PDB file of N, CA and C in Angstrom:
ATOM      1  N   GLN A   1     180.325 127.217  57.504  1.00  0.00           N
ATOM      2  CA  GLN A   1     179.128 127.718  58.562  1.00  0.00           C
ATOM      3  C   GLN A   1     178.442 126.502  59.333  1.00  0.00           C
ATOM      4  N   VAL A   2     179.170 126.790  60.905  1.00  0.00           N
ATOM      5  CA  VAL A   2     177.992 125.919  61.990  1.00  0.00           C
ATOM      6  C   VAL A   2     177.076 126.548  62.669  1.00  0.00           C
ATOM      7  N   GLN A   3     175.696 125.612  63.054  1.00  0.00           N
ATOM      8  CA  GLN A   3     175.053 125.716  63.522  1.00  0.00           C
ATOM      9  C   GLN A   3     174.996 125.128  64.993  1.00  0.00           C
ATOM     10  N   LEU A   4     174.795 125.487  66.261  1.00  0.00           N
ATOM     11  CA  LEU A   4     175.129 124.802  67.162  1.00  0.00           C
ATOM     12  C   LEU A   4     173.862 125.151  67.695  1.00  0.00           C
ATOM     13  N   VAL A   5     173.567 123.726  68.843  1.00  0.00           N
ATOM     14  CA  VAL A   5     172.084 123.358  69.424  1.00  0.00           C
ATOM     15  C   VAL A   5     172.376 122.638  70.816  1.00  0.00           C
ATOM     16  N   GLU A   6     172.373 123.894  71.959  1.00  0.00           N
ATOM     17  CA  GLU A   6     172.743 123.773  73.376  1.00  0.00           C
ATOM     18  C   GLU A   6     171.013 122.774  73.697  1.00  0.00           C
ATOM     19  N   SER A   7     171.497 121.928  74.675  1.00  0.00           N
ATOM     20  CA  SER A   7     169.773 121.015  75.210  1.00  0.00           C
ATOM     21  C   SER A   7     170.793 120.689  76.834  1.00  0.00           C
ATOM     22  N   GLY A   8     170.126 120.787  77.727  1.00  0.00           N
ATOM     23  CA  GLY A   8     170.030 119.697  78.368  1.00  0.00           C
ATOM     24  C   GLY A   8     169.797 120.964  79.841  1.00  0.00           C
ATOM     25  N   GLY A   9     169.782 122.019  80.051  1.00  0.00           N
ATOM     26  CA  GLY A   9     169.753 122.722  80.646  1.00  0.00           C
ATOM     27  C   GLY A   9     168.645 122.141  82.159  1.00  0.00           C
ATOM     28  N   GLY A  10     168.557 122.971  82.525  1.00  0.00           N
ATOM     29  CA  GLY A  10     166.882 122.510  83.645  1.00  0.00           C
ATOM     30  C   GLY A  10     167.137 123.420  84.885  1.00  0.00           C
ATOM     31  N   LEU A  11     166.188 122.808  85.958  1.00  0.00           N
ATOM     32  CA  LEU A  11     166.103 123.189  87.506  1.00  0.00           C
ATOM     33  C   LEU A  11     166.545 122.060  88.003  1.00  0.00           C
ATOM     34  N   VAL A  12     168.011 122.268  89.045  1.00  0.00           N
ATOM     35  CA  VAL A  12     168.567 120.763  89.596  1.00  0.00           C
ATOM     36  C   VAL A  12     168.865 121.940  91.261  1.00  0.00           C
ATOM     37  N   GLN A  13     169.081 121.152  92.117  1.00  0.00           N
ATOM     38  CA  GLN A  13     169.005 121.233  93.320  1.00  0.00           C
ATOM     39  C   GLN A  13     170.583 121.525  93.615  1.00  0.00           C
ATOM     40  N   PRO A  14     171.036 121.939  94.522  1.00  0.00           N
ATOM     41  CA  PRO A  14     172.386 122.175  95.486  1.00  0.00           C
ATOM     42  C   PRO A  14     172.967 120.518  95.268  1.00  0.00           C
ATOM     43  N   GLY A  15     174.148 120.407  94.590  1.00  0.00           N
ATOM     44  CA  GLY A  15     174.751 118.930  94.614  1.00  0.00           C
ATOM     45  C   GLY A  15     174.264 118.221  93.906  1.00  0.00           C
ATOM     46  N   GLY A  16     173.379 118.721  93.031  1.00  0.00           N
ATOM     47  CA  GLY A  16     173.136 117.542  91.759  1.00  0.00           C
ATOM     48  C   GLY A  16     173.787 117.657  90.674  1.00  0.00           C
ATOM     49  N   SER A  17     172.918 116.832  89.616  1.00  0.00           N
ATOM     50  CA  SER A  17     174.064 116.771  88.524  1.00  0.00           C
ATOM     51  C   SER A  17     173.202 116.901  86.861  1.00  0.00           C
ATOM     52  N   LEU A  18     173.918 117.846  86.249  1.00  0.00           N
ATOM     53  CA  LEU A  18     173.137 117.400  84.796  1.00  0.00           C
ATOM     54  C   LEU A  18     174.009 117.122  83.431  1.00  0.00           C
ATOM     55  N   ARG A  19     173.749 116.935  82.414  1.00  0.00           N
ATOM     56  CA  ARG A  19     174.592 116.806  81.378  1.00  0.00           C
ATOM     57  C   ARG A  19     174.169 117.829  80.315  1.00  0.00           C
ATOM     58  N   LEU A  20     174.800 119.160  79.906  1.00  0.00           N
ATOM     59  CA  LEU A  20     174.544 119.620  78.894  1.00  0.00           C
ATOM     60  C   LEU A  20     175.235 118.944  77.562  1.00  0.00           C
ATOM     61  N   SER A  21     174.500 118.942  76.867  1.00  0.00           N
ATOM     62  CA  SER A  21     175.125 118.479  75.329  1.00  0.00           C
ATOM     63  C   SER A  21     174.886 120.305  73.525  1.00  0.00           C
ATOM     64  N   CYS A  22     175.938 119.973  73.182  1.00  0.00           N
ATOM     65  CA  CYS A  22     175.986 120.654  71.800  1.00  0.00           C
ATOM     66  C   CYS A  22     176.177 120.264  70.678  1.00  0.00           C
ATOM     67  N   ALA A  23     175.211 119.780  69.647  1.00  0.00           N
ATOM     68  CA  ALA A  23     174.865 119.542  68.506  1.00  0.00           C
ATOM     69  C   ALA A  23     175.652 120.487  67.610  1.00  0.00           C
ATOM     70  N   ALA A  24     176.791 120.137  66.862  1.00  0.00           N
ATOM     71  CA  ALA A  24     176.924 120.463  65.795  1.00  0.00           C
ATOM     72  C   ALA A  24     176.506 120.600  64.280  1.00  0.00           C
ATOM     73  N   SER A  25     175.485 121.051  63.678  1.00  0.00           N
ATOM     74  CA  SER A  25     175.412 120.902  62.226  1.00  0.00           C
ATOM     75  C   SER A  25     177.027 121.198  61.007  1.00  0.00           C
ATOM     76  N   GLY A  26     176.787 120.494  59.929  1.00  0.00           N
ATOM     77  CA  GLY A  26     177.969 121.125  59.043  1.00  0.00           C
ATOM     78  C   GLY A  26     178.712 119.890  59.037  1.00  0.00           C
ATOM     79  N   SER A  27     179.829 119.818  58.114  1.00  0.00           N
ATOM     80  CA  SER A  27     180.873 119.478  58.059  1.00  0.00           C
ATOM     81  C   SER A  27     181.780 119.526  59.035  1.00  0.00           C
ATOM     82  N   PHE A  28     183.027 118.487  59.124  1.00  0.00           N
ATOM     83  CA  PHE A  28     184.267 118.927  59.536  1.00  0.00           C
ATOM     84  C   PHE A  28     184.568 119.421  60.962  1.00  0.00           C
ATOM     85  N   PHE A  29     183.175 118.756  62.102  1.00  0.00           N
ATOM     86  CA  PHE A  29     183.467 118.598  63.561  1.00  0.00           C
ATOM     87  C   PHE A  29     184.411 118.684  64.157  1.00  0.00           C
ATOM     88  N   SER A  30     185.482 117.686  63.814  1.00  0.00           N
ATOM     89  CA  SER A  30     186.752 117.387  64.569  1.00  0.00           C
ATOM     90  C   SER A  30     187.643 118.217  64.095  1.00  0.00           C
ATOM     91  N   ILE A  31     188.049 119.008  63.283  1.00  0.00           N
ATOM     92  CA  ILE A  31     188.616 119.687  63.148  1.00  0.00           C
ATOM     93  C   ILE A  31     188.378 121.090  63.891  1.00  0.00           C
ATOM     94  N   TYR A  32     187.452 121.418  64.882  1.00  0.00           N
ATOM     95  CA  TYR A  32     186.660 122.636  65.510  1.00  0.00           C
ATOM     96  C   TYR A  32     187.225 122.440  67.199  1.00  0.00           C
ATOM     97  N   ALA A  33     187.876 123.357  67.728  1.00  0.00           N
ATOM     98  CA  ALA A  33     187.875 123.543  69.420  1.00  0.00           C
ATOM     99  C   ALA A  33     186.768 123.855  69.439  1.00  0.00           C
ATOM    100  N   MET A  34     186.178 123.490  70.844  1.00  0.00           N
ATOM    101  CA  MET A  34     184.823 123.626  71.182  1.00  0.00           C
ATOM    102  C   MET A  34     184.769 124.081  72.795  1.00  0.00           C
ATOM    103  N   GLU A  35     184.418 125.083  73.357  1.00  0.00           N
ATOM    104  CA  GLU A  35     183.992 125.487  74.881  1.00  0.00           C
ATOM    105  C   GLU A  35     182.642 125.902  74.935  1.00  0.00           C
ATOM    106  N   TRP A  36     182.550 125.540  76.511  1.00  0.00           N
ATOM    107  CA  TRP A  36     181.467 125.995  77.097  1.00  0.00           C
ATOM    108  C   TRP A  36     181.362 127.338  77.852  1.00  0.00           C
ATOM    109  N   TYR A  37     180.964 127.688  77.481  1.00  0.00           N
ATOM    110  CA  TYR A  37     180.568 129.566  78.601  1.00  0.00           C
ATOM    111  C   TYR A  37     180.307 129.811  79.539  1.00  0.00           C
ATOM    112  N   ARG A  38     179.870 130.369  80.441  1.00  0.00           N
ATOM    113  CA  ARG A  38     178.191 130.890  80.917  1.00  0.00           C
ATOM    114  C   ARG A  38     177.970 132.248  80.925  1.00  0.00           C
ATOM    115  N   GLN A  39     176.868 132.777  81.224  1.00  0.00           N
ATOM    116  CA  GLN A  39     176.707 134.085  81.670  1.00  0.00           C
ATOM    117  C   GLN A  39     176.034 133.755  83.148  1.00  0.00           C
ATOM    118  N   ALA A  40     175.706 134.168  84.109  1.00  0.00           N
ATOM    119  CA  ALA A  40     174.548 134.568  84.817  1.00  0.00           C
ATOM    120  C   ALA A  40     174.720 136.220  85.161  1.00  0.00           C
ATOM    121  N   PRO A  41     173.497 136.632  85.387  1.00  0.00           N
ATOM    122  CA  PRO A  41     172.515 137.559  85.400  1.00  0.00           C
ATOM    123  C   PRO A  41     173.465 138.661  85.913  1.00  0.00           C
ATOM    124  N   GLY A  42     173.598 139.893  85.279  1.00  0.00           N
ATOM    125  CA  GLY A  42     174.737 141.406  85.893  1.00  0.00           C
ATOM    126  C   GLY A  42     175.852 141.073  85.357  1.00  0.00           C
ATOM    127  N   LYS A  43     176.504 139.961  85.159  1.00  0.00           N
ATOM    128  CA  LYS A  43     177.910 139.200  84.830  1.00  0.00           C
ATOM    129  C   LYS A  43     178.530 139.383  83.700  1.00  0.00           C
ATOM    130  N   GLN A  44     179.703 139.160  83.387  1.00  0.00           N
ATOM    131  CA  GLN A  44     180.238 139.283  81.886  1.00  0.00           C
ATOM    132  C   GLN A  44     179.849 137.290  81.578  1.00  0.00           C
ATOM    133  N   ARG A  45     180.140 137.257  80.262  1.00  0.00           N
ATOM    134  CA  ARG A  45     180.374 135.939  80.379  1.00  0.00           C
ATOM    135  C   ARG A  45     181.413 135.511  80.651  1.00  0.00           C
ATOM    136  N   GLU A  46     182.015 134.108  80.776  1.00  0.00           N
ATOM    137  CA  GLU A  46     182.696 133.764  81.345  1.00  0.00           C
ATOM    138  C   GLU A  46     183.151 132.142  80.506  1.00  0.00           C
ATOM    139  N   LEU A  47     184.716 131.359  80.126  1.00  0.00           N
ATOM    140  CA  LEU A  47     184.998 130.622  80.011  1.00  0.00           C
ATOM    141  C   LEU A  47     184.859 129.438  80.959  1.00  0.00           C
ATOM    142  N   VAL A  48     184.129 128.514  80.383  1.00  0.00           N
ATOM    143  CA  VAL A  48     183.991 127.041  81.734  1.00  0.00           C
ATOM    144  C   VAL A  48     184.474 126.253  81.944  1.00  0.00           C
ATOM    145  N   ALA A  49     185.106 125.947  80.154  1.00  0.00           N
ATOM    146  CA  ALA A  49     185.928 124.803  79.855  1.00  0.00           C
ATOM    147  C   ALA A  49     186.015 124.520  78.362  1.00  0.00           C
ATOM    148  N   GLY A  50     186.920 124.294  77.822  1.00  0.00           N
ATOM    149  CA  GLY A  50     187.663 124.242  76.623  1.00  0.00           C
ATOM    150  C   GLY A  50     187.953 122.794  76.341  1.00  0.00           C
ATOM    151  N   ILE A  51     187.995 121.964  74.865  1.00  0.00           N
ATOM    152  CA  ILE A  51     188.349 120.836  74.945  1.00  0.00           C
ATOM    153  C   ILE A  51     189.136 120.912  72.998  1.00  0.00           C
ATOM    154  N   SER A  52     190.430 120.426  73.142  1.00  0.00           N
ATOM    155  CA  SER A  52     190.791 120.814  71.614  1.00  0.00           C
ATOM    156  C   SER A  52     190.802 119.829  70.667  1.00  0.00           C
ATOM    157  N   ARG A  53     190.781 119.971  69.277  1.00  0.00           N
ATOM    158  CA  ARG A  53     191.000 119.117  68.436  1.00  0.00           C
ATOM    159  C   ARG A  53     191.563 117.926  68.594  1.00  0.00           C
ATOM    160  N   GLY A  54     192.050 117.665  68.923  1.00  0.00           N
ATOM    161  CA  GLY A  54     193.301 116.644  69.615  1.00  0.00           C
ATOM    162  C   GLY A  54     192.570 116.185  71.471  1.00  0.00           C
ATOM    163  N   GLY A  55     191.498 116.412  72.006  1.00  0.00           N
ATOM    164  CA  GLY A  55     191.294 116.311  73.220  1.00  0.00           C
ATOM    165  C   GLY A  55     191.874 116.855  74.231  1.00  0.00           C
ATOM    166  N   SER A  56     192.864 117.657  74.362  1.00  0.00           N
ATOM    167  CA  SER A  56     192.689 118.179  75.494  1.00  0.00           C
ATOM    168  C   SER A  56     191.845 118.824  76.260  1.00  0.00           C
ATOM    169  N   THR A  57     192.236 119.097  77.438  1.00  0.00           N
ATOM    170  CA  THR A  57     190.814 120.288  77.966  1.00  0.00           C
ATOM    171  C   THR A  57     191.540 121.134  79.194  1.00  0.00           C
ATOM    172  N   ASN A  58     190.539 121.949  78.817  1.00  0.00           N
ATOM    173  CA  ASN A  58     190.828 123.018  80.319  1.00  0.00           C
ATOM    174  C   ASN A  58     189.768 123.417  80.769  1.00  0.00           C
ATOM    175  N   TYR A  59     189.999 123.946  81.962  1.00  0.00           N
ATOM    176  CA  TYR A  59     188.583 124.171  83.072  1.00  0.00           C
ATOM    177  C   TYR A  59     189.168 125.600  84.314  1.00  0.00           C
ATOM    178  N   ALA A  60     188.473 126.219  84.403  1.00  0.00           N
ATOM    179  CA  ALA A  60     188.029 127.616  85.173  1.00  0.00           C
ATOM    180  C   ALA A  60     188.050 126.800  86.332  1.00  0.00           C
ATOM    181  N   ASP A  61     188.951 127.689  87.112  1.00  0.00           N
ATOM    182  CA  ASP A  61     189.282 127.178  88.559  1.00  0.00           C
ATOM    183  C   ASP A  61     188.036 126.475  89.431  1.00  0.00           C
ATOM    184  N   SER A  62     187.200 127.164  89.061  1.00  0.00           N
ATOM    185  CA  SER A  62     185.733 127.573  89.934  1.00  0.00           C
ATOM    186  C   SER A  62     184.979 126.219  89.290  1.00  0.00           C
ATOM    187  N   VAL A  63     185.425 125.351  88.690  1.00  0.00           N
ATOM    188  CA  VAL A  63     184.556 123.989  87.885  1.00  0.00           C
ATOM    189  C   VAL A  63     185.761 123.070  87.964  1.00  0.00           C
ATOM    190  N   ARG A  64     186.830 123.409  88.061  1.00  0.00           N
ATOM    191  CA  ARG A  64     187.474 122.230  88.085  1.00  0.00           C
ATOM    192  C   ARG A  64     187.640 121.290  89.260  1.00  0.00           C
ATOM    193  N   GLY A  65     187.507 119.775  88.635  1.00  0.00           N
ATOM    194  CA  GLY A  65     187.189 119.047  89.463  1.00  0.00           C
ATOM    195  C   GLY A  65     185.971 118.115  89.767  1.00  0.00           C
ATOM    196  N   ARG A  66     184.566 119.460  88.831  1.00  0.00           N
ATOM    197  CA  ARG A  66     183.088 119.205  89.147  1.00  0.00           C
ATOM    198  C   ARG A  66     182.686 118.738  88.327  1.00  0.00           C
ATOM    199  N   PHE A  67     183.084 119.610  86.882  1.00  0.00           N
ATOM    200  CA  PHE A  67     182.587 119.681  85.644  1.00  0.00           C
ATOM    201  C   PHE A  67     183.369 118.464  84.753  1.00  0.00           C
ATOM    202  N   THR A  68     183.052 118.132  83.666  1.00  0.00           N
ATOM    203  CA  THR A  68     184.188 117.513  82.661  1.00  0.00           C
ATOM    204  C   THR A  68     183.301 117.313  81.141  1.00  0.00           C
ATOM    205  N   ILE A  69     184.644 117.870  80.190  1.00  0.00           N
ATOM    206  CA  ILE A  69     184.139 118.375  78.841  1.00  0.00           C
ATOM    207  C   ILE A  69     184.372 117.137  78.238  1.00  0.00           C
ATOM    208  N   SER A  70     183.617 116.531  77.011  1.00  0.00           N
ATOM    209  CA  SER A  70     183.980 115.448  76.141  1.00  0.00           C
ATOM    210  C   SER A  70     183.333 115.866  75.426  1.00  0.00           C
ATOM    211  N   ARG A  71     184.082 115.578  74.110  1.00  0.00           N
ATOM    212  CA  ARG A  71     183.622 115.640  72.973  1.00  0.00           C
ATOM    213  C   ARG A  71     183.541 113.792  72.251  1.00  0.00           C
ATOM    214  N   ASP A  72     181.934 113.896  71.025  1.00  0.00           N
ATOM    215  CA  ASP A  72     181.777 112.553  70.042  1.00  0.00           C
ATOM    216  C   ASP A  72     181.801 113.088  69.132  1.00  0.00           C
ATOM    217  N   ASN A  73     183.368 112.914  68.466  1.00  0.00           N
ATOM    218  CA  ASN A  73     183.403 113.432  66.334  1.00  0.00           C
ATOM    219  C   ASN A  73     182.355 112.869  66.062  1.00  0.00           C
ATOM    220  N   ALA A  74     181.904 111.441  66.170  1.00  0.00           N
ATOM    221  CA  ALA A  74     181.366 111.040  65.303  1.00  0.00           C
ATOM    222  C   ALA A  74     179.773 111.155  65.079  1.00  0.00           C
ATOM    223  N   LYS A  75     179.485 111.709  66.365  1.00  0.00           N
ATOM    224  CA  LYS A  75     178.073 112.615  66.667  1.00  0.00           C
ATOM    225  C   LYS A  75     178.004 113.679  66.476  1.00  0.00           C
ATOM    226  N   ASN A  76     178.718 114.525  65.890  1.00  0.00           N
ATOM    227  CA  ASN A  76     179.368 116.319  66.011  1.00  0.00           C
ATOM    228  C   ASN A  76     179.105 116.716  67.077  1.00  0.00           C
ATOM    229  N   THR A  77     178.955 116.037  68.791  1.00  0.00           N
ATOM    230  CA  THR A  77     178.462 116.712  69.677  1.00  0.00           C
ATOM    231  C   THR A  77     179.460 116.802  70.912  1.00  0.00           C
ATOM    232  N   VAL A  78     179.371 117.933  71.670  1.00  0.00           N
ATOM    233  CA  VAL A  78     180.350 118.193  72.692  1.00  0.00           C
ATOM    234  C   VAL A  78     179.325 117.882  74.295  1.00  0.00           C
ATOM    235  N   TYR A  79     179.696 117.907  75.117  1.00  0.00           N
ATOM    236  CA  TYR A  79     179.205 117.716  76.289  1.00  0.00           C
ATOM    237  C   TYR A  79     179.689 118.307  76.978  1.00  0.00           C
ATOM    238  N   LEU A  80     179.008 118.313  78.339  1.00  0.00           N
ATOM    239  CA  LEU A  80     179.277 119.164  79.609  1.00  0.00           C
ATOM    240  C   LEU A  80     179.067 118.507  81.128  1.00  0.00           C
ATOM    241  N   GLN A  81     179.456 118.102  81.383  1.00  0.00           N
ATOM    242  CA  GLN A  81     178.923 116.781  82.887  1.00  0.00           C
ATOM    243  C   GLN A  81     179.293 117.648  83.936  1.00  0.00           C
ATOM    244  N   MET A  82     178.105 118.158  84.600  1.00  0.00           N
ATOM    245  CA  MET A  82     178.158 118.996  85.429  1.00  0.00           C
ATOM    246  C   MET A  82     178.151 118.272  87.068  1.00  0.00           C
ATOM    247  N   ASN A  83     178.464 118.284  87.690  1.00  0.00           N
ATOM    248  CA  ASN A  83     178.097 118.025  89.016  1.00  0.00           C
ATOM    249  C   ASN A  83     178.686 118.537  90.469  1.00  0.00           C
ATOM    250  N   SER A  84     177.593 117.916  91.493  1.00  0.00           N
ATOM    251  CA  SER A  84     177.865 118.819  92.505  1.00  0.00           C
ATOM    252  C   SER A  84     177.770 120.265  92.493  1.00  0.00           C
ATOM    253  N   LEU A  85     176.818 120.269  91.847  1.00  0.00           N
ATOM    254  CA  LEU A  85     176.318 121.742  91.153  1.00  0.00           C
ATOM    255  C   LEU A  85     175.702 122.501  92.672  1.00  0.00           C
ATOM    256  N   LYS A  86     176.089 123.535  92.501  1.00  0.00           N
ATOM    257  CA  LYS A  86     176.019 124.650  93.043  1.00  0.00           C
ATOM    258  C   LYS A  86     174.902 125.908  92.784  1.00  0.00           C
ATOM    259  N   PRO A  87     174.424 127.151  93.665  1.00  0.00           N
ATOM    260  CA  PRO A  87     173.966 127.885  93.475  1.00  0.00           C
ATOM    261  C   PRO A  87     174.476 129.002  92.299  1.00  0.00           C
ATOM    262  N   GLU A  88     175.738 129.509  92.647  1.00  0.00           N
ATOM    263  CA  GLU A  88     176.494 130.089  92.067  1.00  0.00           C
ATOM    264  C   GLU A  88     177.015 129.746  90.402  1.00  0.00           C
ATOM    265  N   ASP A  89     176.638 128.559  90.379  1.00  0.00           N
ATOM    266  CA  ASP A  89     176.132 128.006  89.048  1.00  0.00           C
ATOM    267  C   ASP A  89     175.613 128.382  87.826  1.00  0.00           C
ATOM    268  N   THR A  90     174.420 129.105  88.852  1.00  0.00           N
ATOM    269  CA  THR A  90     172.950 129.445  87.675  1.00  0.00           C
ATOM    270  C   THR A  90     173.571 130.613  86.933  1.00  0.00           C
ATOM    271  N   ALA A  91     173.262 129.983  85.469  1.00  0.00           N
ATOM    272  CA  ALA A  91     173.835 130.879  84.640  1.00  0.00           C
ATOM    273  C   ALA A  91     173.164 130.080  82.927  1.00  0.00           C
ATOM    274  N   VAL A  92     173.469 131.082  81.901  1.00  0.00           N
ATOM    275  CA  VAL A  92     172.901 130.519  80.687  1.00  0.00           C
ATOM    276  C   VAL A  92     174.046 130.025  79.939  1.00  0.00           C
ATOM    277  N   TYR A  93     174.291 129.159  79.709  1.00  0.00           N
ATOM    278  CA  TYR A  93     175.490 128.160  79.061  1.00  0.00           C
ATOM    279  C   TYR A  93     175.740 128.278  77.583  1.00  0.00           C
ATOM    280  N   TYR A  94     176.827 128.622  76.949  1.00  0.00           N
ATOM    281  CA  TYR A  94     176.941 128.586  75.803  1.00  0.00           C
ATOM    282  C   TYR A  94     177.742 127.526  75.222  1.00  0.00           C
ATOM    283  N   CYS A  95     178.093 127.273  73.639  1.00  0.00           N
ATOM    284  CA  CYS A  95     178.868 126.357  73.277  1.00  0.00           C
ATOM    285  C   CYS A  95     179.522 127.163  72.425  1.00  0.00           C
ATOM    286  N   LYS A  96     180.660 126.860  71.944  1.00  0.00           N
ATOM    287  CA  LYS A  96     181.021 127.942  70.757  1.00  0.00           C
ATOM    288  C   LYS A  96     181.954 126.833  70.131  1.00  0.00           C
ATOM    289  N   ALA A  97     182.307 126.816  69.092  1.00  0.00           N
ATOM    290  CA  ALA A  97     182.821 125.991  68.164  1.00  0.00           C
ATOM    291  C   ALA A  97     184.011 127.587  67.738  1.00  0.00           C
ATOM    292  N   ILE A  98     184.925 126.812  67.022  1.00  0.00           N
ATOM    293  CA  ILE A  98     186.169 127.633  67.053  1.00  0.00           C
ATOM    294  C   ILE A  98     187.078 126.685  65.767  1.00  0.00           C
ATOM    295  N   PRO A  99     186.939 127.446  64.810  1.00  0.00           N
ATOM    296  CA  PRO A  99     187.938 126.952  63.637  1.00  0.00           C
ATOM    297  C   PRO A  99     188.994 127.519  63.704  1.00  0.00           C
ATOM    298  N   PRO A 100     190.316 126.492  63.003  1.00  0.00           N
ATOM    299  CA  PRO A 100     191.526 126.776  62.636  1.00  0.00           C
ATOM    300  C   PRO A 100     192.026 128.605  62.422  1.00  0.00           C
ATOM    301  N   LEU A 101     191.089 128.781  61.526  1.00  0.00           N
ATOM    302  CA  LEU A 101     190.786 130.074  61.384  1.00  0.00           C
ATOM    303  C   LEU A 101     189.560 130.983  61.676  1.00  0.00           C
ATOM    304  N   GLY A 102     189.608 131.942  61.879  1.00  0.00           N
ATOM    305  CA  GLY A 102     187.889 132.893  62.283  1.00  0.00           C
ATOM    306  C   GLY A 102     187.851 132.863  63.368  1.00  0.00           C
ATOM    307  N   ALA A 103     186.345 133.435  63.700  1.00  0.00           N
ATOM    308  CA  ALA A 103     186.242 134.128  65.188  1.00  0.00           C
ATOM    309  C   ALA A 103     185.397 132.497  65.945  1.00  0.00           C
ATOM    310  N   GLY A 104     184.727 131.947  65.516  1.00  0.00           N
ATOM    311  CA  GLY A 104     184.185 131.197  65.502  1.00  0.00           C
ATOM    312  C   GLY A 104     182.377 131.446  65.624  1.00  0.00           C
ATOM    313  N   TYR A 105     181.501 130.069  66.078  1.00  0.00           N
ATOM    314  CA  TYR A 105     180.641 130.271  66.115  1.00  0.00           C
ATOM    315  C   TYR A 105     180.245 129.985  67.873  1.00  0.00           C
ATOM    316  N   TRP A 106     178.811 130.425  67.770  1.00  0.00           N
ATOM    317  CA  TRP A 106     178.163 130.474  68.883  1.00  0.00           C
ATOM    318  C   TRP A 106     176.805 129.520  69.262  1.00  0.00           C
ATOM    319  N   GLY A 107     176.476 129.045  70.429  1.00  0.00           N
ATOM    320  CA  GLY A 107     175.216 128.219  70.084  1.00  0.00           C
ATOM    321  C   GLY A 107     173.923 129.677  70.931  1.00  0.00           C
ATOM    322  N   GLN A 108     172.807 129.247  70.732  1.00  0.00           N
ATOM    323  CA  GLN A 108     171.701 130.410  71.601  1.00  0.00           C
ATOM    324  C   GLN A 108     171.406 129.913  73.171  1.00  0.00           C
ATOM    325  N   GLY A 109     171.970 129.429  73.778  1.00  0.00           N
ATOM    326  CA  GLY A 109     172.255 128.822  75.474  1.00  0.00           C
ATOM    327  C   GLY A 109     171.349 128.207  75.641  1.00  0.00           C
ATOM    328  N   THR A 110     171.532 127.253  76.948  1.00  0.00           N
ATOM    329  CA  THR A 110     170.799 126.830  77.558  1.00  0.00           C
ATOM    330  C   THR A 110     170.510 127.070  79.104  1.00  0.00           C
ATOM    331  N   GLN A 111     169.066 127.367  79.894  1.00  0.00           N
ATOM    332  CA  GLN A 111     169.268 127.607  81.258  1.00  0.00           C
ATOM    333  C   GLN A 111     169.489 126.797  82.503  1.00  0.00           C
ATOM    334  N   VAL A 112     170.461 126.963  82.908  1.00  0.00           N
ATOM    335  CA  VAL A 112     170.840 125.789  84.024  1.00  0.00           C
ATOM    336  C   VAL A 112     170.690 127.159  85.647  1.00  0.00           C
ATOM    337  N   THR A 113     169.736 126.300  85.943  1.00  0.00           N
ATOM    338  CA  THR A 113     169.304 127.132  87.351  1.00  0.00           C
ATOM    339  C   THR A 113     169.917 125.778  88.816  1.00  0.00           C
ATOM    340  N   VAL A 114     170.339 126.221  89.703  1.00  0.00           N
ATOM    341  CA  VAL A 114     170.401 125.473  90.763  1.00  0.00           C
ATOM    342  C   VAL A 114     170.044 126.181  91.804  1.00  0.00           C
ATOM    343  N   SER A 115     169.270 125.025  92.222  1.00  0.00           N
ATOM    344  CA  SER A 115     168.134 126.421  93.737  1.00  0.00           C
ATOM    345  C   SER A 115     167.656 125.004  94.516  1.00  0.00           C
ATOM    346  N   SER A 116     167.133 125.047  95.874  1.00  0.00           N
ATOM    347  CA  SER A 116     165.950 124.641  96.410  1.00  0.00           C
ATOM    348  C   SER A 116     165.188 124.680  96.507  1.00  0.00           C
TER     349      SER A 116
END
């Protein structure tokens, strides 16, 4: 069982930056692939970025070049650095831990609002 706690959300002006963190409890964090998703009001949850156990990354086209996902296995934490934020980035952001087998675990989400 893994518990995930996101933090770092908030209100930021367009063009600003935020760094989200997702801290995982339990052991064997390094064997999980980790992903960030977001869900805006009235829209489906969408994949934003992912990082494999080995550190390979992938991004949605809408955030590539602006967002960076990283992980620190010593701290059991995955990060999402978000730069050049746009109003359309406004959403609740969730992290997900994906084990080698099984469906995975979700955090409770953190709100990001981009507005002037």
